[in-house]
C-alpha atoms as a PDB file:
ATOM      1  CA  MET A   1     -82.661  42.282-127.106  1.00  0.00           C
ATOM      2  CA  ARG A   2     -84.111  41.838-123.628  1.00  0.00           C
ATOM      3  CA  PHE A   3     -81.964  42.890-120.656  1.00  0.00           C
ATOM      4  CA  THR A   4     -80.983  40.108-118.279  1.00  0.00           C
ATOM      5  CA  SER A   5     -78.945  40.954-115.193  1.00  0.00           C
ATOM      6  CA  GLN A   6     -76.047  38.641-114.458  1.00  0.00           C
ATOM      7  CA  MET A   7     -75.656  39.823-110.856  1.00  0.00           C
ATOM      8  CA  GLY A   8     -77.050  36.471-109.685  1.00  0.00           C
ATOM      9  CA  LEU A   9     -74.139  34.669-111.339  1.00  0.00           C
ATOM     10  CA  ALA A  10     -71.701  37.196-109.868  1.00  0.00           C
ATOM     11  CA  LEU A  11     -73.189  36.514-106.417  1.00  0.00           C
ATOM     12  CA  LYS A  12     -72.768  32.786-106.974  1.00  0.00           C
ATOM     13  CA  GLU A  13     -69.077  33.341-107.800  1.00  0.00           C
ATOM     14  CA  ALA A  14     -68.702  35.526-104.690  1.00  0.00           C
ATOM     15  CA  LYS A  15     -70.182  32.770-102.506  1.00  0.00           C
ATOM     16  CA  LEU A  16     -67.786  30.226-104.011  1.00  0.00           C
ATOM     17  CA  ALA A  17     -64.897  32.592-103.263  1.00  0.00           C
ATOM     18  CA  ALA A  18     -66.057  32.934 -99.640  1.00  0.00           C
ATOM     19  CA  THR A  19     -66.228  29.158 -99.284  1.00  0.00           C
ATOM     20  CA  ALA A  20     -62.579  29.036-100.396  1.00  0.00           C
ATOM     21  CA  GLY A  21     -61.619  31.660 -97.791  1.00  0.00           C
ATOM     22  CA  GLU A  22     -61.400  34.528-100.250  1.00  0.00           C
ATOM     23  CA  VAL A  23     -63.034  37.926 -99.821  1.00  0.00           C
ATOM     24  CA  PRO A  24     -66.439  37.259-101.398  1.00  0.00           C
ATOM     25  CA  VAL A  25     -66.381  39.264-104.602  1.00  0.00           C
ATOM     26  CA  GLY A  26     -67.675  37.795-107.841  1.00  0.00           C
ATOM     27  CA  ALA A  27     -67.644  39.144-111.378  1.00  0.00           C
ATOM     28  CA  VAL A  28     -69.111  38.299-114.775  1.00  0.00           C
ATOM     29  CA  ILE A  29     -68.487  39.783-118.230  1.00  0.00           C
ATOM     30  CA  VAL A  30     -71.079  39.511-120.979  1.00  0.00           C
ATOM     31  CA  ASP A  31     -70.799  40.526-124.615  1.00  0.00           C
ATOM     32  CA  ALA A  32     -73.088  42.998-126.386  1.00  0.00           C
ATOM     33  CA  GLN A  33     -75.679  40.249-126.955  1.00  0.00           C
ATOM     34  CA  GLY A  34     -75.670  39.299-123.260  1.00  0.00           C
ATOM     35  CA  LYS A  35     -73.708  36.061-123.702  1.00  0.00           C
ATOM     36  CA  VAL A  36     -71.549  35.239-120.673  1.00  0.00           C
ATOM     37  CA  LEU A  37     -67.887  35.355-121.692  1.00  0.00           C
ATOM     38  CA  ALA A  38     -66.314  34.946-118.258  1.00  0.00           C
ATOM     39  CA  SER A  39     -67.117  34.542-114.571  1.00  0.00           C
ATOM     40  CA  SER A  40     -64.917  34.285-111.501  1.00  0.00           C
ATOM     41  CA  GLY A  41     -64.541  35.124-107.853  1.00  0.00           C
ATOM     42  CA  ASN A  42     -61.540  36.562-106.054  1.00  0.00           C
ATOM     43  CA  ARG A  43     -58.475  34.289-106.034  1.00  0.00           C
ATOM     44  CA  THR A  44     -55.816  36.436-104.358  1.00  0.00           C
ATOM     45  CA  ARG A  45     -55.087  33.975-101.546  1.00  0.00           C
ATOM     46  CA  ARG A  46     -55.409  30.771-103.584  1.00  0.00           C
ATOM     47  CA  ASP A  47     -53.192  32.103-106.358  1.00  0.00           C
ATOM     48  CA  CYS A  48     -50.820  34.037-104.056  1.00  0.00           C
ATOM     49  CA  ASP A  49     -51.459  36.955-106.398  1.00  0.00           C
ATOM     50  CA  PRO A  50     -52.544  40.354-105.080  1.00  0.00           C
ATOM     51  CA  THR A  51     -53.883  41.243-108.545  1.00  0.00           C
ATOM     52  CA  ALA A  52     -56.201  38.210-108.751  1.00  0.00           C
ATOM     53  CA  HIS A  53     -59.334  40.252-108.085  1.00  0.00           C
ATOM     54  CA  ALA A  54     -62.497  38.873-109.688  1.00  0.00           C
ATOM     55  CA  GLU A  55     -62.608  41.778-112.158  1.00  0.00           C
ATOM     56  CA  ILE A  56     -59.041  41.231-113.379  1.00  0.00           C
ATOM     57  CA  LEU A  57     -59.646  37.506-113.787  1.00  0.00           C
ATOM     58  CA  VAL A  58     -62.783  37.995-115.897  1.00  0.00           C
ATOM     59  CA  ILE A  59     -61.121  40.678-118.017  1.00  0.00           C
ATOM     60  CA  ARG A  60     -58.365  38.182-118.841  1.00  0.00           C
ATOM     61  CA  GLN A  61     -60.847  35.370-119.549  1.00  0.00           C
ATOM     62  CA  ALA A  62     -63.099  37.534-121.731  1.00  0.00           C
ATOM     63  CA  ALA A  63     -60.160  38.927-123.714  1.00  0.00           C
ATOM     64  CA  ALA A  64     -58.942  35.365-124.321  1.00  0.00           C
ATOM     65  CA  ALA A  65     -62.442  34.235-125.353  1.00  0.00           C
ATOM     66  CA  LEU A  66     -62.721  37.111-127.836  1.00  0.00           C
ATOM     67  CA  GLU A  67     -59.056  36.819-128.853  1.00  0.00           C
ATOM     68  CA  GLN A  68     -58.586  40.562-128.511  1.00  0.00           C
ATOM     69  CA  ASP A  69     -57.491  43.083-125.926  1.00  0.00           C
ATOM     70  CA  ARG A  70     -60.538  45.356-126.246  1.00  0.00           C
ATOM     71  CA  LEU A  71     -63.836  44.363-124.676  1.00  0.00           C
ATOM     72  CA  ILE A  72     -65.894  46.836-126.683  1.00  0.00           C
ATOM     73  CA  GLY A  73     -69.613  46.422-126.131  1.00  0.00           C
ATOM     74  CA  CYS A  74     -69.086  44.242-123.048  1.00  0.00           C
ATOM     75  CA  THR A  75     -70.637  44.699-119.612  1.00  0.00           C
ATOM     76  CA  LEU A  76     -69.049  43.794-116.284  1.00  0.00           C
ATOM     77  CA  TYR A  77     -71.248  42.736-113.369  1.00  0.00           C
ATOM     78  CA  VAL A  78     -69.428  42.738-110.030  1.00  0.00           C
ATOM     79  CA  THR A  79     -70.700  42.373-106.483  1.00  0.00           C
ATOM     80  CA  LEU A  80     -68.510  45.161-105.043  1.00  0.00           C
ATOM     81  CA  GLU A  81     -67.536  48.525-106.490  1.00  0.00           C
ATOM     82  CA  PRO A  82     -64.220  48.016-108.310  1.00  0.00           C
ATOM     83  CA  CYS A  83     -61.046  49.279-106.639  1.00  0.00           C
ATOM     84  CA  ALA A  84     -58.708  51.721-108.394  1.00  0.00           C
ATOM     85  CA  MET A  85     -56.557  48.902-109.813  1.00  0.00           C
ATOM     86  CA  CYS A  86     -59.576  47.168-111.341  1.00  0.00           C
ATOM     87  CA  ALA A  87     -61.059  50.447-112.588  1.00  0.00           C
ATOM     88  CA  GLY A  88     -57.781  51.163-114.385  1.00  0.00           C
ATOM     89  CA  ALA A  89     -57.859  47.732-115.994  1.00  0.00           C
ATOM     90  CA  LEU A  90     -61.493  48.253-117.012  1.00  0.00           C
ATOM     91  CA  ALA A  91     -60.576  51.550-118.673  1.00  0.00           C
ATOM     92  CA  GLN A  92     -57.690  49.862-120.526  1.00  0.00           C
ATOM     93  CA  SER A  93     -59.961  47.034-121.699  1.00  0.00           C
ATOM     94  CA  ARG A  94     -62.612  49.490-122.947  1.00  0.00           C
ATOM     95  CA  VAL A  95     -65.509  47.732-121.179  1.00  0.00           C
ATOM     96  CA  GLU A  96     -68.673  49.612-122.114  1.00  0.00           C
ATOM     97  CA  ARG A  97     -70.555  49.279-118.829  1.00  0.00           C
ATOM     98  CA  VAL A  98     -69.738  48.507-115.187  1.00  0.00           C
ATOM     99  CA  ILE A  99     -72.619  47.333-113.010  1.00  0.00           C
ATOM    100  CA  TYR A 100     -71.817  46.796-109.354  1.00  0.00           C
ATOM    101  CA  GLY A 101     -73.744  45.742-106.272  1.00  0.00           C
ATOM    102  CA  ALA A 102     -72.357  47.127-103.010  1.00  0.00           C
ATOM    103  CA  PRO A 103     -70.534  50.456-102.870  1.00  0.00           C
ATOM    104  CA  ASP A 104     -67.051  50.549-101.337  1.00  0.00           C
ATOM    105  CA  PRO A 105     -66.619  53.923 -99.602  1.00  0.00           C
ATOM    106  CA  LYS A 106     -63.163  52.948 -98.310  1.00  0.00           C
ATOM    107  CA  SER A 107     -61.489  51.339-101.326  1.00  0.00           C
ATOM    108  CA  GLY A 108     -63.785  51.995-104.271  1.00  0.00           C
ATOM    109  CA  GLY A 109     -62.343  53.328-107.486  1.00  0.00           C
ATOM    110  CA  THR A 110     -65.377  54.312-109.546  1.00  0.00           C
ATOM    111  CA  ASP A 111     -67.915  56.241-107.440  1.00  0.00           C
ATOM    112  CA  HIS A 112     -65.839  56.539-104.256  1.00  0.00           C
ATOM    113  CA  GLY A 113     -62.163  56.977-103.440  1.00  0.00           C
ATOM    114  CA  ALA A 114     -59.956  57.393-106.500  1.00  0.00           C
ATOM    115  CA  ARG A 115     -62.853  57.787-108.997  1.00  0.00           C
ATOM    116  CA  VAL A 116     -60.527  56.633-111.760  1.00  0.00           C
ATOM    117  CA  PHE A 117     -62.913  57.270-114.658  1.00  0.00           C
ATOM    118  CA  MET A 118     -63.349  60.925-113.681  1.00  0.00           C
ATOM    119  CA  HIS A 119     -59.675  61.775-114.176  1.00  0.00           C
ATOM    120  CA  PRO A 120     -58.754  63.471-117.451  1.00  0.00           C
ATOM    121  CA  GLN A 121     -56.000  60.869-117.839  1.00  0.00           C
ATOM    122  CA  SER A 122     -58.545  58.042-118.045  1.00  0.00           C
ATOM    123  CA  HIS A 123     -58.489  56.779-121.626  1.00  0.00           C
ATOM    124  CA  HIS A 124     -62.025  55.430-121.415  1.00  0.00           C
ATOM    125  CA  ARG A 125     -65.076  56.184-119.282  1.00  0.00           C
ATOM    126  CA  PRO A 126     -67.558  53.332-119.147  1.00  0.00           C
ATOM    127  CA  GLU A 127     -71.100  53.805-117.964  1.00  0.00           C
ATOM    128  CA  VAL A 128     -71.219  52.956-114.238  1.00  0.00           C
ATOM    129  CA  ILE A 129     -74.363  51.736-112.498  1.00  0.00           C
ATOM    130  CA  GLY A 130     -74.198  50.970-108.785  1.00  0.00           C
ATOM    131  CA  GLY A 131     -76.567  49.470-106.261  1.00  0.00           C
ATOM    132  CA  ILE A 132     -77.825  46.473-108.251  1.00  0.00           C
ATOM    133  CA  SER A 133     -78.724  43.722-105.738  1.00  0.00           C
ATOM    134  CA  GLU A 134     -76.918  45.920-103.232  1.00  0.00           C
ATOM    135  CA  ARG A 135     -78.443  44.359-100.135  1.00  0.00           C
ATOM    136  CA  ALA A 136     -77.500  40.790-101.116  1.00  0.00           C
ATOM    137  CA  CYS A 137     -73.983  41.824-102.167  1.00  0.00           C
ATOM    138  CA  ALA A 138     -73.353  43.874 -99.030  1.00  0.00           C
ATOM    139  CA  SER A 139     -74.709  41.272 -96.632  1.00  0.00           C
ATOM    140  CA  LEU A 140     -72.431  38.628 -98.132  1.00  0.00           C
ATOM    141  CA  LEU A 141     -69.417  40.820 -97.340  1.00  0.00           C
ATOM    142  CA  VAL A 142     -70.656  41.817 -93.866  1.00  0.00           C
ATOM    143  CA  ASP A 143     -71.343  38.192 -92.937  1.00  0.00           C
ATOM    144  CA  PHE A 144     -67.954  37.048 -94.260  1.00  0.00           C
ATOM    145  CA  PHE A 145     -66.002  39.621 -92.256  1.00  0.00           C
ATOM    146  CA  ALA A 146     -68.079  38.960 -89.128  1.00  0.00           C
ATOM    147  CA  GLN A 147     -67.126  35.267 -89.404  1.00  0.00           C
ATOM    148  CA  GLN A 148     -63.473  36.211 -89.920  1.00  0.00           C
ATOM    149  CA  ARG A 149     -63.497  38.267 -86.705  1.00  0.00           C
ATOM    150  CA  THR A 150     -64.916  35.375 -84.684  1.00  0.00           C
ATOM    151  CA  LYS A 151     -61.985  33.199 -85.814  1.00  0.00           C
ATOM    152  CA  LEU A 152     -59.446  35.568 -84.243  1.00  0.00           C
END
């Protein structure tokens, strides 16, 4: 099987989220064969749901598509390093691999901040790869927040 990154689709979802006034984070989950099971952007404001991060939404969609609670063999692509909440959900879902774009030194939960997967209490430790399309992912966030500040 040939590797195909789905970060482009995650970026597309992040841009759609930004257009809707959401923090521009997009996520995609693929199965072991690389088939896209789910894709979404953040929906916290639209859904009035603080847990409606892109990662949580795609975990739910992929689990429904597979009709099971374990996403064994699946890979998550996300434009921003997952927060601690999302990292916990990823551990519970048993995602095999987490590939993210921009690091999040302030609120990250995998390589920064809480480092959820490093705790002995973590039931599962997926492979984590950061920095994929980092520049594009980071600039989307920087531009979004710059625009938000000009609206104040």
